[in-house]
């Protein structure tokens, strides 16, 4: 017999310990005798009550309050065969989030609708639970904050607090993607959520808990702060009259002040953070775009001066004439180089060089990227985040990289090549089509095709991968479109 869902009409939600009548209906059924049985789920499934289904397809039973989540099943009263259950077996579980997660209650999903009129104020975690298979199928958290990864059963970190982690870089990318999509109001909301992660000294952490932004890793790096500042500047540019502007501008000015304090007086390079002496070429590129965008949005030439010193520092200390590209980084004060390469040094470096009208160096950087970082996986072409061919050495104590196609970086490389134009950009379109073909049914892309845990490369569904894909999908992205 065809499965028939059990629809709960009342109550609309089940507070813990609910006692009282429960009523509902079923979808159309052939004539016969049917019964609905109500179960409570805790450590196991316990039958609580049952009621006959009327000829009109309605039913009603009385519930005795106990802990657990209600589930309802439909049976043929004669054969005992189960022929249906609560709508698609989906339930909504709600938690209050403070220092921990506290269970508030559960409600059935009525044909895609649910409600919790009695839930108190505060941050919430909502899980869509598939009762039939005893698994969580979706999670909703704090408005405005994006979870960086979507994990699946079997993934490292699945079912842990890692699932609720929001990386500041990813939050910034998501804000910029919403601006490109024309949803300025959502971008403003997301920028406000981003600001909640900022520390008292004006620095943004590497990551924060999606629901509890005060829970962070406690590490403050110039790259994440550069992206946060850039996203805030672009939101202010897009919504100059938004009521939230004073708060967003204050946060922007604070993080720019923090970053300016990390700039070396001689080299002009911004170090990775207050607790380190190294600089990263990528981080300095992030910060250059942030200071340039802020100088124009806020009309402050002080920020332009900081950007110019970063630019001079990178060209003077990070450009390697022999290899025709930037190096990965080095020592903040002396300019001593770290010769190991990374994909973003080439693609992001090329976009910075184009912004400086240095197309010759940009072309050289992209040519070296094509030479060293191209990779294939299952007939699909893209780029690897690292390669042993690019001065990789055990002297730094870094494990050799595992070859993998990195979607985030590959979409960034496509954007850089398209921006450069020419013959290589035309060739990229076939590569890009192959990358797009890897899009999953939910619209997402994985972070990479093969995990490389030693180098922080995973195969989770990734916000960053989606964002860089979206930057390629608009005619002209707002991302790093500034020119000096």
Protein backbone atom coordinates (compact mmCIF):
# COMPACT_ATOMS: atom_id res chain seq x y z
CA UNK A 1 0.00 0.00 0.00
CA UNK A 2 1.20 3.54 -0.76
CA UNK A 3 2.75 5.37 2.20
CA UNK A 4 0.44 7.98 3.69
CA UNK A 5 1.70 10.77 5.95
CA UNK A 6 0.25 11.44 9.39
CA UNK A 7 -0.47 15.16 9.76
CA UNK A 8 -0.59 16.72 13.23
CA UNK A 9 -3.02 19.63 13.42
CA UNK A 10 -2.85 20.49 17.12
CA UNK A 11 -0.94 21.42 19.11
CA UNK A 12 1.41 23.29 16.79
CA UNK A 13 4.36 22.42 19.06
CA UNK A 14 5.15 20.15 21.98
CA UNK A 15 6.76 21.78 25.02
CA UNK A 16 8.71 19.43 27.28
CA UNK A 17 6.30 17.40 29.39
CA UNK A 18 3.27 18.26 27.29
CA UNK A 19 -0.02 16.74 28.48
CA UNK A 20 -3.32 17.02 26.67
CA UNK A 21 -5.13 16.25 23.44
CA UNK A 22 -3.31 15.72 20.15
CA UNK A 23 -5.31 15.65 16.94
CA UNK A 24 -4.69 15.49 13.25
CA UNK A 25 -5.54 13.79 10.01
CA UNK A 26 -4.14 11.51 7.35
CA UNK A 27 -3.94 11.75 3.61
CA UNK A 28 -6.69 10.07 1.58
CA UNK A 29 -6.86 6.33 2.27
CA UNK A 30 -8.78 3.39 0.77
CA UNK A 31 -11.73 2.30 2.88
CA UNK A 32 -10.66 0.20 5.85
CA UNK A 33 -9.75 0.29 9.52
CA UNK A 34 -6.75 2.37 10.53
CA UNK A 35 -5.15 3.44 13.76
CA UNK A 36 -2.64 6.19 14.68
CA UNK A 37 -0.16 5.40 17.43
CA UNK A 38 1.80 8.01 19.32
CA UNK A 39 5.37 7.28 20.46
CA UNK A 40 7.88 9.15 22.57
CA UNK A 41 11.52 9.05 21.48
CA UNK A 42 14.21 9.24 24.15
CA UNK A 43 16.76 6.45 24.50
CA UNK A 44 14.32 4.29 22.53
CA UNK A 45 10.83 4.47 21.01
CA UNK A 46 7.97 4.03 23.51
CA UNK A 47 4.30 3.60 22.58
CA UNK A 48 2.18 6.06 24.57
CA UNK A 49 -1.33 6.06 23.08
CA UNK A 50 -3.34 5.13 20.02
CA UNK A 51 -6.55 6.28 18.37
CA UNK A 52 -8.72 5.04 15.49
CA UNK A 53 -8.85 7.02 12.27
CA UNK A 54 -12.37 8.21 11.45
CA UNK A 55 -13.92 7.67 8.00
CA UNK A 56 -13.19 11.35 7.39
CA UNK A 57 -9.47 10.72 7.99
CA UNK A 58 -9.22 12.49 11.37
CA UNK A 59 -7.88 11.18 14.66
CA UNK A 60 -7.44 12.35 18.28
CA UNK A 61 -5.66 10.96 21.32
CA UNK A 62 -4.59 12.12 24.78
CA UNK A 63 -0.93 12.57 25.70
CA UNK A 64 0.65 12.07 29.11
CA UNK A 65 3.63 14.33 29.67
CA UNK A 66 7.02 12.67 29.63
CA UNK A 67 10.44 13.62 28.29
CA UNK A 68 11.24 12.94 24.67
CA UNK A 69 10.07 13.77 21.17
CA UNK A 70 6.68 12.74 19.83
CA UNK A 71 6.35 10.67 16.68
CA UNK A 72 3.12 9.38 15.15
CA UNK A 73 2.65 6.33 12.94
CA UNK A 74 -0.26 5.06 10.88
CA UNK A 75 -1.15 1.35 10.85
CA UNK A 76 -3.65 -0.91 9.19
CA UNK A 77 -5.68 -2.01 12.22
CA UNK A 78 -6.35 -5.48 10.76
CA UNK A 79 -2.96 -6.51 9.36
CA UNK A 80 -0.83 -4.42 11.72
CA UNK A 81 1.20 -3.14 8.76
CA UNK A 82 2.67 0.35 9.14
CA UNK A 83 1.58 2.46 6.21
CA UNK A 84 2.69 5.96 7.19
CA UNK A 85 4.24 8.23 9.78
CA UNK A 86 4.50 11.88 10.79
CA UNK A 87 4.95 14.05 7.70
CA UNK A 88 8.07 12.76 5.97
CA UNK A 89 9.32 11.68 9.40
CA UNK A 90 10.62 15.23 9.95
CA UNK A 91 10.70 16.95 13.33
CA UNK A 92 12.06 20.30 14.45
CA UNK A 93 14.22 20.31 17.58
CA UNK A 94 14.90 23.67 19.23
CA UNK A 95 17.66 24.55 21.67
CA UNK A 96 18.54 27.70 23.61
CA UNK A 97 22.23 28.55 23.31
CA UNK A 98 24.11 30.30 26.11
CA UNK A 99 27.13 28.66 27.69
CA UNK A 100 25.86 25.39 26.24
CA UNK A 101 22.92 24.03 24.26
CA UNK A 102 19.70 23.54 26.23
CA UNK A 103 16.86 21.54 24.74
CA UNK A 104 13.58 23.48 24.60
CA UNK A 105 11.25 21.21 22.71
CA UNK A 106 10.27 19.48 19.50
CA UNK A 107 7.51 19.98 16.96
CA UNK A 108 6.48 17.97 13.90
CA UNK A 109 7.04 19.54 10.52
CA UNK A 110 3.54 19.90 9.10
CA UNK A 111 3.97 19.77 5.33
CA UNK A 112 6.99 22.03 5.66
CA UNK A 113 5.57 24.33 8.37
CA UNK A 114 6.24 24.44 12.11
CA UNK A 115 6.04 26.86 15.03
CA UNK A 116 7.23 27.33 18.62
CA UNK A 117 5.14 30.18 20.08
CA UNK A 118 6.46 29.59 23.60
CA UNK A 119 10.22 29.79 22.91
CA UNK A 120 11.96 32.48 25.04
CA UNK A 121 14.24 35.18 23.64
CA UNK A 122 17.91 34.59 22.94
CA UNK A 123 20.09 32.71 20.45
CA UNK A 124 18.60 29.50 19.17
CA UNK A 125 19.80 26.38 17.46
CA UNK A 126 17.21 24.58 15.32
CA UNK A 127 17.79 21.10 14.00
CA UNK A 128 15.63 19.48 11.35
CA UNK A 129 15.56 15.86 12.48
CA UNK A 130 14.70 12.92 10.24
CA UNK A 131 13.10 10.57 12.74
CA UNK A 132 12.89 7.59 10.43
CA UNK A 133 16.66 7.48 9.96
CA UNK A 134 17.56 9.06 13.32
CA UNK A 135 19.73 11.80 11.82
CA UNK A 136 19.92 15.58 11.61
CA UNK A 137 19.36 16.78 8.05
CA UNK A 138 19.72 20.56 8.49
CA UNK A 139 20.77 23.10 11.10
CA UNK A 140 19.75 26.74 11.46
CA UNK A 141 21.65 29.11 13.71
CA UNK A 142 22.01 32.78 14.50
CA UNK A 143 20.65 35.20 11.87
CA UNK A 144 23.38 36.78 9.84
CA UNK A 145 26.13 34.26 10.60
CA UNK A 146 27.14 31.57 8.12
CA UNK A 147 28.58 28.24 9.12
CA UNK A 148 31.76 27.75 7.13
CA UNK A 149 31.24 24.08 6.37
CA UNK A 150 28.43 21.57 5.99
CA UNK A 151 29.56 18.25 7.41
CA UNK A 152 28.18 14.79 6.75
CA UNK A 153 28.18 11.58 8.81
CA UNK A 154 31.70 10.15 8.76
CA UNK A 155 33.40 13.55 8.38
CA UNK A 156 35.95 14.48 11.02
CA UNK A 157 34.20 16.89 13.37
CA UNK A 158 30.68 15.75 12.52
CA UNK A 159 28.41 16.13 15.54
CA UNK A 160 30.89 18.41 17.34
CA UNK A 161 31.10 22.16 17.94
CA UNK A 162 33.23 22.42 14.81
CA UNK A 163 30.02 22.26 12.78
CA UNK A 164 28.96 25.62 14.24
CA UNK A 165 32.22 27.38 13.46
CA UNK A 166 32.12 30.59 11.43
CA UNK A 167 35.44 31.64 9.98
CA UNK A 168 35.67 35.42 9.68
CA UNK A 169 37.13 35.10 6.19
CA UNK A 170 34.12 33.04 5.11
CA UNK A 171 31.69 35.49 6.71
CA UNK A 172 33.36 38.33 4.80
CA UNK A 173 33.14 36.40 1.53
CA UNK A 174 29.46 35.66 2.13
CA UNK A 175 28.77 39.36 2.73
CA UNK A 176 30.48 40.27 -0.53
CA UNK A 177 28.55 37.57 -2.39
CA UNK A 178 25.26 39.02 -1.11
CA UNK A 179 26.33 42.47 -2.28
CA UNK A 180 27.07 41.04 -5.72
CA UNK A 181 23.62 39.41 -5.68
CA UNK A 182 22.01 42.79 -4.92
CA UNK A 183 20.74 41.80 -1.46
CA UNK A 184 22.16 44.83 0.34
CA UNK A 185 19.84 44.53 3.34
CA UNK A 186 21.02 40.98 4.04
CA UNK A 187 24.64 42.07 3.60
CA UNK A 188 24.08 44.81 6.20
CA UNK A 189 22.56 42.26 8.59
CA UNK A 190 25.49 39.91 8.05
CA UNK A 191 27.96 42.75 8.61
CA UNK A 192 26.26 43.46 11.93
CA UNK A 193 26.67 39.81 12.86
CA UNK A 194 30.34 39.96 11.87
CA UNK A 195 30.91 42.91 14.19
CA UNK A 196 29.72 40.83 17.14
CA UNK A 197 32.90 38.75 16.83
CA UNK A 198 35.24 41.75 17.15
CA UNK A 199 37.45 41.97 20.24
CA UNK A 200 37.80 44.98 22.53
CA UNK A 201 41.06 46.00 20.83
CA UNK A 202 39.33 46.01 17.45
CA UNK A 203 40.69 42.74 16.10
CA UNK A 204 38.62 39.98 14.53
CA UNK A 205 39.42 36.35 15.42
CA UNK A 206 40.12 33.60 12.95
CA UNK A 207 36.78 32.03 13.80
CA UNK A 208 33.87 32.32 16.20
CA UNK A 209 31.00 30.09 17.21
CA UNK A 210 28.01 30.81 14.99
CA UNK A 211 25.58 31.05 17.91
CA UNK A 212 27.97 32.31 20.57
CA UNK A 213 30.25 34.86 18.90
CA UNK A 214 32.07 35.44 22.18
CA UNK A 215 33.51 31.92 21.81
CA UNK A 216 36.51 32.31 19.49
CA UNK A 217 39.87 30.72 18.87
CA UNK A 218 41.60 33.73 20.46
CA UNK A 219 43.98 34.04 17.51
CA UNK A 220 44.01 37.31 15.58
CA UNK A 221 45.60 37.31 12.15
CA UNK A 222 46.01 40.16 9.71
CA UNK A 223 44.49 38.24 6.80
CA UNK A 224 41.13 37.65 8.47
CA UNK A 225 41.11 41.26 9.67
CA UNK A 226 41.89 42.51 6.18
CA UNK A 227 38.92 40.63 4.74
CA UNK A 228 36.61 41.75 7.57
CA UNK A 229 37.61 45.38 7.04
CA UNK A 230 37.17 45.07 3.29
CA UNK A 231 33.67 43.59 3.65
CA UNK A 232 32.65 46.34 6.08
CA UNK A 233 33.95 49.04 3.73
CA UNK A 234 32.02 47.57 0.79
CA UNK A 235 28.81 47.37 2.84
CA UNK A 236 29.16 51.02 3.85
CA UNK A 237 29.79 51.88 0.21
CA UNK A 238 26.63 50.03 -0.85
CA UNK A 239 24.44 51.31 2.01
CA UNK A 240 25.83 54.70 3.09
CA UNK A 241 22.59 55.76 4.78
CA UNK A 242 21.87 52.50 6.61
CA UNK A 243 20.91 53.02 10.28
CA UNK A 244 23.66 50.54 11.20
CA UNK A 245 26.38 52.65 9.58
CA UNK A 246 27.75 54.21 12.80
CA UNK A 247 28.26 50.76 14.31
CA UNK A 248 29.76 49.30 11.13
CA UNK A 249 32.01 52.30 10.54
CA UNK A 250 33.22 52.22 14.12
CA UNK A 251 34.13 48.56 13.76
CA UNK A 252 35.88 49.26 10.46
CA UNK A 253 37.95 52.08 11.92
CA UNK A 254 38.90 49.95 14.91
CA UNK A 255 40.20 47.06 12.84
CA UNK A 256 42.08 49.40 10.50
CA UNK A 257 43.74 50.95 13.53
CA UNK A 258 44.66 47.47 14.76
CA UNK A 259 46.16 46.56 11.37
CA UNK A 260 48.06 49.83 11.03
CA UNK A 261 49.68 49.03 14.36
CA UNK A 262 51.10 45.85 12.81
CA UNK A 263 52.86 47.70 9.96
CA UNK A 264 56.63 47.86 10.13
CA UNK A 265 58.09 51.36 10.00
CA UNK A 266 60.81 50.47 7.49
CA UNK A 267 59.56 47.61 5.29
CA UNK A 268 55.92 48.75 5.24
CA UNK A 269 54.83 45.12 5.62
CA UNK A 270 52.05 44.10 8.00
CA UNK A 271 52.94 41.13 10.17
CA UNK A 272 50.63 38.18 10.70
CA UNK A 273 49.59 39.25 14.20
CA UNK A 274 50.80 40.82 17.41
CA UNK A 275 52.34 37.55 18.57
CA UNK A 276 54.39 36.73 15.45
CA UNK A 277 57.26 38.26 13.49
CA UNK A 278 56.43 36.82 10.07
CA UNK A 279 54.49 38.45 7.28
CA UNK A 280 52.30 36.78 4.69
CA UNK A 281 52.09 38.07 1.13
CA UNK A 282 48.44 37.03 0.99
CA UNK A 283 47.64 38.86 4.22
CA UNK A 284 49.30 42.02 2.97
CA UNK A 285 47.31 41.85 -0.26
CA UNK A 286 44.11 41.47 1.81
CA UNK A 287 45.06 44.50 3.88
CA UNK A 288 46.04 46.60 0.87
CA UNK A 289 42.59 46.24 -0.66
CA UNK A 290 40.98 46.94 2.73
CA UNK A 291 42.90 50.17 3.31
CA UNK A 292 42.36 51.37 -0.25
CA UNK A 293 38.60 50.68 -0.12
CA UNK A 294 38.31 52.35 3.30
CA UNK A 295 40.23 55.42 2.14
CA UNK A 296 37.70 55.97 -0.63
CA UNK A 297 34.56 55.11 1.31
CA UNK A 298 35.52 57.17 4.36
CA UNK A 299 37.46 59.86 2.50
CA UNK A 300 40.53 59.45 4.73
CA UNK A 301 43.93 59.84 3.07
CA UNK A 302 45.63 58.30 6.11
CA UNK A 303 44.39 54.90 5.02
CA UNK A 304 45.65 55.48 1.49
CA UNK A 305 49.12 56.15 2.87
CA UNK A 306 49.07 52.81 4.71
CA UNK A 307 48.00 51.06 1.49
CA UNK A 308 50.81 52.69 -0.48
CA UNK A 309 53.40 51.53 2.06
CA UNK A 310 52.06 47.96 1.84
CA UNK A 311 52.31 48.10 -1.95
CA UNK A 312 55.87 49.36 -1.86
CA UNK A 313 56.81 46.77 0.75
CA UNK A 314 55.46 43.88 -1.29
CA UNK A 315 57.15 44.96 -4.51
CA UNK A 316 60.43 45.62 -2.72
CA UNK A 317 60.63 42.62 -0.41
CA UNK A 318 58.21 39.94 -1.64
CA UNK A 319 58.73 40.01 -5.42
CA UNK A 320 61.22 37.41 -6.66
CA UNK A 321 62.71 38.48 -9.98
CA UNK A 322 64.11 35.03 -10.75
CA UNK A 323 60.83 33.18 -10.39
CA UNK A 324 58.71 36.05 -11.72
CA UNK A 325 56.26 36.02 -8.83
CA UNK A 326 55.75 36.91 -5.21
CA UNK A 327 57.10 34.65 -2.48
CA UNK A 328 54.77 33.35 0.21
CA UNK A 329 56.08 35.68 2.89
CA UNK A 330 59.01 36.09 5.21
CA UNK A 331 60.27 38.06 8.18
CA UNK A 332 58.27 41.20 8.89
CA UNK A 333 61.20 43.45 9.86
CA UNK A 334 64.12 42.18 7.77
CA UNK A 335 62.21 41.13 4.66
CA UNK A 336 63.93 37.71 4.68
CA UNK A 337 61.90 35.48 2.38
CA UNK A 338 59.96 32.26 2.82
CA UNK A 339 60.54 30.67 -0.57
CA UNK A 340 57.73 28.10 -0.37
CA UNK A 341 54.90 28.77 -2.81
CA UNK A 342 51.10 28.68 -2.56
CA UNK A 343 48.39 29.06 -5.19
CA UNK A 344 46.88 32.25 -3.76
CA UNK A 345 50.25 33.96 -3.89
CA UNK A 346 49.98 33.72 -7.68
CA UNK A 347 46.27 34.30 -8.28
CA UNK A 348 45.71 36.93 -5.58
CA UNK A 349 49.12 38.38 -6.33
CA UNK A 350 48.12 38.80 -9.97
CA UNK A 351 44.90 40.59 -8.98
CA UNK A 352 46.87 42.98 -6.77
CA UNK A 353 49.39 43.64 -9.53
CA UNK A 354 46.56 44.36 -11.98
CA UNK A 355 45.14 46.81 -9.46
CA UNK A 356 48.55 48.52 -9.50
CA UNK A 357 48.50 48.58 -13.34
CA UNK A 358 51.50 46.22 -13.41
CA UNK A 359 50.17 43.85 -16.04
CA UNK A 360 53.60 42.45 -16.98
CA UNK A 361 54.21 41.11 -13.49
CA UNK A 362 50.62 39.94 -13.23
CA UNK A 363 51.02 37.93 -16.44
CA UNK A 364 54.26 36.43 -15.13
CA UNK A 365 52.57 35.39 -11.90
CA UNK A 366 49.70 33.70 -13.71
CA UNK A 367 52.09 31.93 -16.08
CA UNK A 368 53.97 30.39 -13.16
CA UNK A 369 50.65 29.41 -11.59
CA UNK A 370 49.69 27.54 -14.78
CA UNK A 371 53.09 25.87 -14.91
CA UNK A 372 53.11 24.54 -11.33
CA UNK A 373 49.61 24.34 -9.88
CA UNK A 374 47.40 22.75 -12.52
CA UNK A 375 45.86 19.44 -11.39
CA UNK A 376 43.33 16.91 -12.69
CA UNK A 377 40.83 14.87 -10.72
CA UNK A 378 38.41 12.52 -12.46
CA UNK A 379 38.93 14.26 -15.78
CA UNK A 380 38.23 17.65 -14.22
CA UNK A 381 40.93 20.33 -14.34
CA UNK A 382 41.64 22.86 -11.63
CA UNK A 383 44.36 23.99 -9.27
CA UNK A 384 46.01 22.62 -6.14
CA UNK A 385 46.54 24.80 -3.05
CA UNK A 386 50.16 23.68 -2.71
CA UNK A 387 52.62 21.68 -4.74
CA UNK A 388 55.91 20.01 -3.87
CA UNK A 389 57.32 21.46 -7.11
CA UNK A 390 57.24 25.01 -5.76
CA UNK A 391 60.25 25.11 -3.41
CA UNK A 392 58.51 22.90 -0.88
CA UNK A 393 61.07 21.95 1.73
CA UNK A 394 60.99 20.03 5.00
CA UNK A 395 63.15 22.78 6.51
CA UNK A 396 59.98 24.56 7.61
CA UNK A 397 58.64 21.41 9.23
CA UNK A 398 55.69 21.27 6.84
CA UNK A 399 54.40 17.95 5.53
CA UNK A 400 54.46 17.39 1.80
CA UNK A 401 51.13 18.37 0.24
CA UNK A 402 48.67 15.79 -1.03
CA UNK A 403 47.62 16.51 -4.65
CA UNK A 404 44.02 17.70 -4.64
CA UNK A 405 41.74 19.92 -6.71
CA UNK A 406 40.92 22.91 -4.50
CA UNK A 407 37.62 24.49 -5.52
CA UNK A 408 37.96 27.71 -3.53
CA UNK A 409 41.39 28.45 -4.95
CA UNK A 410 40.49 27.23 -8.44
CA UNK A 411 37.58 29.65 -8.70
CA UNK A 412 39.90 32.42 -7.48
CA UNK A 413 42.44 31.48 -10.14
CA UNK A 414 39.73 31.62 -12.81
CA UNK A 415 38.69 35.09 -11.63
CA UNK A 416 42.27 36.33 -11.81
CA UNK A 417 42.80 34.90 -15.29
CA UNK A 418 39.51 36.30 -16.57
CA UNK A 419 40.45 39.68 -15.19
CA UNK A 420 43.74 39.55 -17.06
CA UNK A 421 42.03 38.55 -20.33
CA UNK A 422 43.81 37.30 -23.42
CA UNK A 423 44.27 33.82 -24.81
CA UNK A 424 44.64 32.11 -21.44
CA UNK A 425 41.33 33.55 -20.26
CA UNK A 426 39.60 31.97 -23.27
CA UNK A 427 41.18 28.60 -22.47
CA UNK A 428 39.98 28.92 -18.87
CA UNK A 429 36.34 28.71 -19.88
CA UNK A 430 36.54 24.95 -20.47
CA UNK A 431 38.27 24.50 -17.12
CA UNK A 432 35.62 26.65 -15.45
CA UNK A 433 32.79 24.61 -16.99
CA UNK A 434 34.33 21.47 -15.51
CA UNK A 435 34.52 23.06 -12.08
CA UNK A 436 30.91 24.22 -12.26
CA UNK A 437 29.86 20.71 -13.24
CA UNK A 438 31.03 19.57 -9.78
CA UNK A 439 28.31 21.61 -8.09
CA UNK A 440 26.28 19.48 -5.69
CA UNK A 441 22.49 19.18 -5.70
CA UNK A 442 22.13 21.70 -2.86
CA UNK A 443 24.09 24.31 -4.83
CA UNK A 444 27.29 23.92 -2.87
CA UNK A 445 30.84 22.99 -3.80
CA UNK A 446 33.27 20.99 -1.76
CA UNK A 447 36.39 22.61 -0.39
CA UNK A 448 38.58 20.12 -2.26
CA UNK A 449 38.33 16.72 -3.93
CA UNK A 450 40.89 14.96 -1.72
CA UNK A 451 41.49 15.68 1.95
CA UNK A 452 44.95 16.77 3.11
CA UNK A 453 44.49 17.11 6.89
CA UNK A 454 48.14 17.93 7.50
CA UNK A 455 47.69 21.12 5.45
CA UNK A 456 44.14 21.94 6.61
CA UNK A 457 42.47 20.83 3.39
CA UNK A 458 39.14 19.01 3.75
CA UNK A 459 36.35 17.80 1.48
CA UNK A 460 33.47 19.46 3.37
CA UNK A 461 30.87 21.50 1.51
CA UNK A 462 32.32 24.97 1.77
CA UNK A 463 31.04 28.56 1.93
CA UNK A 464 34.35 29.87 0.57
CA UNK A 465 34.14 27.65 -2.51
CA UNK A 466 30.59 28.82 -3.20
CA UNK A 467 31.50 32.48 -2.71
CA UNK A 468 34.41 32.44 -5.15
CA UNK A 469 32.19 30.61 -7.64
CA UNK A 470 29.58 33.35 -7.29
CA UNK A 471 32.18 36.07 -7.85
CA UNK A 472 32.70 34.51 -11.28
CA UNK A 473 28.98 34.36 -12.03
CA UNK A 474 28.23 38.09 -12.00
CA UNK A 475 29.19 40.31 -14.95
CA UNK A 476 31.45 42.45 -12.72
CA UNK A 477 32.12 41.47 -9.14
CA UNK A 478 32.66 44.06 -6.41
CA UNK A 479 35.50 41.96 -5.01
CA UNK A 480 38.87 43.65 -5.33
CA UNK A 481 37.66 45.90 -8.14
CA UNK A 482 39.65 48.87 -6.82
CA UNK A 483 42.52 50.36 -8.84
CA UNK A 484 45.36 52.55 -7.60
